[in-house]
Amino acid sequence: MIQVYKVTQRFPKKEKFGMVSDMRRAANSAIHNISEGFGRYEKLDKTRFYKISRGSCYELISNY
């Protein structure tokens, strides 16, 4: 996540509310869903949050 913030700081100002916002939101979502999944006791709950996190990572990749 920190790397995403560092990279997006160098993006043009006109992208601040576009691509920069999308990439930072996706990075935050991935981290938060991993954390929430880790805190769950049921395997199905863990798996659901990890899958959501993976989706956020693919969303982040699609912005490159």
C-alpha atoms as a PDB file:
ATOM      1  CA  MET A   1       0.000   0.000   0.000  1.00  0.00           C
ATOM      2  CA  ILE A   2       2.808   2.410   0.856  1.00  0.00           C
ATOM      3  CA  GLN A   3       4.383   1.738  -2.529  1.00  0.00           C
ATOM      4  CA  VAL A   4       1.105   2.603  -4.277  1.00  0.00           C
ATOM      5  CA  TYR A   5       1.009   5.950  -2.467  1.00  0.00           C
ATOM      6  CA  LYS A   6       4.630   6.669  -3.421  1.00  0.00           C
ATOM      7  CA  VAL A   7       4.044   5.807  -7.070  1.00  0.00           C
ATOM      8  CA  THR A   8       0.811   7.772  -7.361  1.00  0.00           C
ATOM      9  CA  GLN A   9       2.423  10.896  -5.889  1.00  0.00           C
ATOM     10  CA  ARG A  10       4.316  11.224  -9.163  1.00  0.00           C
ATOM     11  CA  PHE A  11       1.162  11.054 -11.300  1.00  0.00           C
ATOM     12  CA  PRO A  12      -0.095  14.217 -12.997  1.00  0.00           C
ATOM     13  CA  LYS A  13      -2.341  16.439 -10.874  1.00  0.00           C
ATOM     14  CA  LYS A  14      -5.223  15.934 -13.317  1.00  0.00           C
ATOM     15  CA  GLU A  15      -5.305  12.239 -12.281  1.00  0.00           C
ATOM     16  CA  LYS A  16      -5.738  13.019  -8.577  1.00  0.00           C
ATOM     17  CA  PHE A  17      -9.466  12.285  -8.579  1.00  0.00           C
ATOM     18  CA  GLY A  18      -9.303   9.632 -11.264  1.00  0.00           C
ATOM     19  CA  MET A  19      -6.650   6.964 -11.473  1.00  0.00           C
ATOM     20  CA  VAL A  20      -4.838   7.994  -8.285  1.00  0.00           C
ATOM     21  CA  SER A  21      -8.013   7.760  -6.248  1.00  0.00           C
ATOM     22  CA  ASP A  22      -8.949   4.384  -7.790  1.00  0.00           C
ATOM     23  CA  MET A  23      -5.507   2.883  -7.193  1.00  0.00           C
ATOM     24  CA  ARG A  24      -5.279   4.067  -3.602  1.00  0.00           C
ATOM     25  CA  ARG A  25      -8.793   2.868  -2.827  1.00  0.00           C
ATOM     26  CA  ALA A  26      -8.057  -0.578  -4.309  1.00  0.00           C
ATOM     27  CA  ALA A  27      -4.815  -0.868  -2.320  1.00  0.00           C
ATOM     28  CA  ASN A  28      -6.587   0.087   0.907  1.00  0.00           C
ATOM     29  CA  SER A  29      -9.406  -2.346   0.190  1.00  0.00           C
ATOM     30  CA  ALA A  30      -6.972  -5.211  -0.382  1.00  0.00           C
ATOM     31  CA  ILE A  31      -5.165  -4.605   2.919  1.00  0.00           C
ATOM     32  CA  HIS A  32      -8.359  -4.177   4.924  1.00  0.00           C
ATOM     33  CA  ASN A  33      -9.973  -7.301   3.521  1.00  0.00           C
ATOM     34  CA  ILE A  34      -6.896  -9.395   4.276  1.00  0.00           C
ATOM     35  CA  SER A  35      -6.960  -8.083   7.839  1.00  0.00           C
ATOM     36  CA  GLU A  36     -10.638  -8.739   8.254  1.00  0.00           C
ATOM     37  CA  GLY A  37     -10.314 -12.238   6.806  1.00  0.00           C
ATOM     38  CA  PHE A  38      -7.460 -12.991   9.190  1.00  0.00           C
ATOM     39  CA  GLY A  39      -9.693 -12.064  12.103  1.00  0.00           C
ATOM     40  CA  ARG A  40     -12.452 -14.481  11.127  1.00  0.00           C
ATOM     41  CA  TYR A  41     -12.679 -17.949  12.656  1.00  0.00           C
ATOM     42  CA  GLU A  42     -14.706 -19.761  10.020  1.00  0.00           C
ATOM     43  CA  LYS A  43     -12.844 -20.948   6.948  1.00  0.00           C
ATOM     44  CA  LEU A  44     -15.638 -19.794   4.621  1.00  0.00           C
ATOM     45  CA  ASP A  45     -15.525 -16.293   6.106  1.00  0.00           C
ATOM     46  CA  LYS A  46     -11.751 -16.130   5.737  1.00  0.00           C
ATOM     47  CA  THR A  47     -11.956 -17.324   2.151  1.00  0.00           C
ATOM     48  CA  ARG A  48     -14.646 -14.779   1.263  1.00  0.00           C
ATOM     49  CA  PHE A  49     -12.569 -11.835   2.493  1.00  0.00           C
ATOM     50  CA  TYR A  50      -9.407 -13.154   0.836  1.00  0.00           C
ATOM     51  CA  LYS A  51     -11.272 -13.445  -2.471  1.00  0.00           C
ATOM     52  CA  ILE A  52     -12.539  -9.877  -2.136  1.00  0.00           C
ATOM     53  CA  SER A  53      -8.954  -8.797  -1.453  1.00  0.00           C
ATOM     54  CA  ARG A  54      -7.737 -10.613  -4.552  1.00  0.00           C
ATOM     55  CA  GLY A  55     -10.379  -8.792  -6.586  1.00  0.00           C
ATOM     56  CA  SER A  56      -9.073  -5.476  -5.282  1.00  0.00           C
ATOM     57  CA  CYS A  57      -5.543  -6.475  -6.293  1.00  0.00           C
ATOM     58  CA  TYR A  58      -6.722  -7.245  -9.819  1.00  0.00           C
ATOM     59  CA  GLU A  59      -8.486  -3.893  -9.902  1.00  0.00           C
ATOM     60  CA  LEU A  60      -5.192  -2.278  -8.952  1.00  0.00           C
ATOM     61  CA  ILE A  61      -3.321  -4.205 -11.662  1.00  0.00           C
ATOM     62  CA  SER A  62      -5.850  -3.126 -14.286  1.00  0.00           C
ATOM     63  CA  ASN A  63      -4.918   0.526 -13.653  1.00  0.00           C
ATOM     64  CA  TYR A  64      -1.326  -0.069 -14.773  1.00  0.00           C
END
